[in-house]
C-alpha atoms as a PDB file:
ATOM      1  CA  MET A   1      56.786 154.649 155.690  1.00  0.00           C
ATOM      2  CA  THR A   2      53.123 154.033 154.481  1.00  0.00           C
ATOM      3  CA  TYR A   3      50.869 156.367 152.624  1.00  0.00           C
ATOM      4  CA  PRO A   4      46.979 156.353 152.905  1.00  0.00           C
ATOM      5  CA  LEU A   5      45.512 154.691 149.955  1.00  0.00           C
ATOM      6  CA  ALA A   6      43.459 157.665 148.821  1.00  0.00           C
ATOM      7  CA  LEU A   7      46.635 159.774 148.631  1.00  0.00           C
ATOM      8  CA  VAL A   8      48.385 156.979 146.530  1.00  0.00           C
ATOM      9  CA  CYS A   9      45.257 156.834 144.119  1.00  0.00           C
ATOM     10  CA  ARG A  10      45.152 160.589 143.767  1.00  0.00           C
ATOM     11  CA  SER A  11      48.854 160.633 143.060  1.00  0.00           C
ATOM     12  CA  LEU A  12      48.574 157.751 140.569  1.00  0.00           C
ATOM     13  CA  ASN A  13      45.486 159.533 138.860  1.00  0.00           C
ATOM     14  CA  GLY A  14      47.442 162.655 138.522  1.00  0.00           C
ATOM     15  CA  VAL A  15      50.354 160.834 136.760  1.00  0.00           C
ATOM     16  CA  ILE A  16      47.855 159.102 134.489  1.00  0.00           C
ATOM     17  CA  GLU A  17      46.182 162.304 133.578  1.00  0.00           C
ATOM     18  CA  GLN A  18      49.685 163.859 132.801  1.00  0.00           C
ATOM     19  CA  MET A  19      50.511 160.819 130.693  1.00  0.00           C
ATOM     20  CA  GLU A  20      47.281 161.169 128.717  1.00  0.00           C
ATOM     21  CA  ARG A  21      47.851 164.837 128.117  1.00  0.00           C
ATOM     22  CA  PHE A  22      51.441 164.179 126.942  1.00  0.00           C
ATOM     23  CA  SER A  23      50.206 161.362 124.605  1.00  0.00           C
ATOM     24  CA  SER A  24      47.581 163.747 123.075  1.00  0.00           C
ATOM     25  CA  ASP A  25      50.200 166.443 122.699  1.00  0.00           C
ATOM     26  CA  LEU A  26      52.594 163.985 121.053  1.00  0.00           C
ATOM     27  CA  HIS A  27      49.746 162.845 118.773  1.00  0.00           C
ATOM     28  CA  SER A  28      48.994 166.370 117.721  1.00  0.00           C
ATOM     29  CA  LEU A  29      52.675 167.122 117.094  1.00  0.00           C
ATOM     30  CA  SER A  30      52.855 164.004 115.017  1.00  0.00           C
ATOM     31  CA  HIS A  31      50.147 165.228 112.812  1.00  0.00           C
ATOM     32  CA  LYS A  32      51.700 168.656 112.427  1.00  0.00           C
ATOM     33  CA  VAL A  33      55.004 167.115 111.463  1.00  0.00           C
ATOM     34  CA  GLU A  34      53.421 164.964 108.925  1.00  0.00           C
ATOM     35  CA  ALA A  35      51.439 167.690 107.431  1.00  0.00           C
ATOM     36  CA  THR A  36      54.662 169.903 107.270  1.00  0.00           C
ATOM     37  CA  HIS A  37      56.520 167.114 105.567  1.00  0.00           C
ATOM     38  CA  HIS A  38      53.737 166.629 103.055  1.00  0.00           C
ATOM     39  CA  THR A  39      53.684 170.342 102.281  1.00  0.00           C
ATOM     40  CA  THR A  40      57.471 170.658 102.040  1.00  0.00           C
ATOM     41  CA  SER A  41      57.496 167.594  99.677  1.00  0.00           C
ATOM     42  CA  GLN A  42      54.938 169.144  97.429  1.00  0.00           C
ATOM     43  CA  GLU A  43      56.871 172.493  97.489  1.00  0.00           C
ATOM     44  CA  LEU A  44      60.065 170.706  96.611  1.00  0.00           C
ATOM     45  CA  ALA A  45      58.414 168.761  93.676  1.00  0.00           C
ATOM     46  CA  MET A  46      56.831 171.948  92.392  1.00  0.00           C
ATOM     47  CA  GLY A  47      60.202 173.878  92.538  1.00  0.00           C
ATOM     48  CA  ALA A  48      61.856 171.019  90.662  1.00  0.00           C
ATOM     49  CA  ARG A  49      59.166 171.081  87.920  1.00  0.00           C
ATOM     50  CA  GLN A  50      59.599 174.731  87.465  1.00  0.00           C
ATOM     51  CA  ARG A  51      63.383 174.548  87.222  1.00  0.00           C
ATOM     52  CA  ASP A  52      62.883 171.704  84.653  1.00  0.00           C
ATOM     53  CA  GLU A  53      60.608 173.888  82.565  1.00  0.00           C
ATOM     54  CA  GLN A  54      63.051 176.846  82.880  1.00  0.00           C
ATOM     55  CA  LEU A  55      65.868 174.643  81.726  1.00  0.00           C
ATOM     56  CA  LYS A  56      63.900 173.341  78.768  1.00  0.00           C
ATOM     57  CA  GLY A  57      62.982 176.880  77.840  1.00  0.00           C
ATOM     58  CA  THR A  58      66.657 177.976  78.056  1.00  0.00           C
ATOM     59  CA  SER A  59      67.777 174.902  76.074  1.00  0.00           C
ATOM     60  CA  ALA A  60      65.403 175.648  73.335  1.00  0.00           C
ATOM     61  CA  LEU A  61      66.378 179.262  73.221  1.00  0.00           C
ATOM     62  CA  TYR A  62      70.012 178.181  72.844  1.00  0.00           C
ATOM     63  CA  LEU A  63      69.114 175.852  70.044  1.00  0.00           C
ATOM     64  CA  LEU A  64      66.978 178.491  68.238  1.00  0.00           C
ATOM     65  CA  THR A  65      69.683 181.308  68.515  1.00  0.00           C
ATOM     66  CA  GLY A  66      72.568 179.092  67.837  1.00  0.00           C
ATOM     67  CA  LEU A  67      74.373 179.915  71.074  1.00  0.00           C
END
């Protein structure tokens, strides 16, 4: 079975356009994941610093009160 060249070219162009859209969507998703990872890392670091400060404050309070 043979297909006209114009039909094959249209079909291939359609596949190429879908691949380009997929690639673009994947690229956008990759940037969103990277940004989320960065934000999450910053939030975790900030939480760890806050806990450290709280523990230092609690330790100092125990030392001052003799508990």
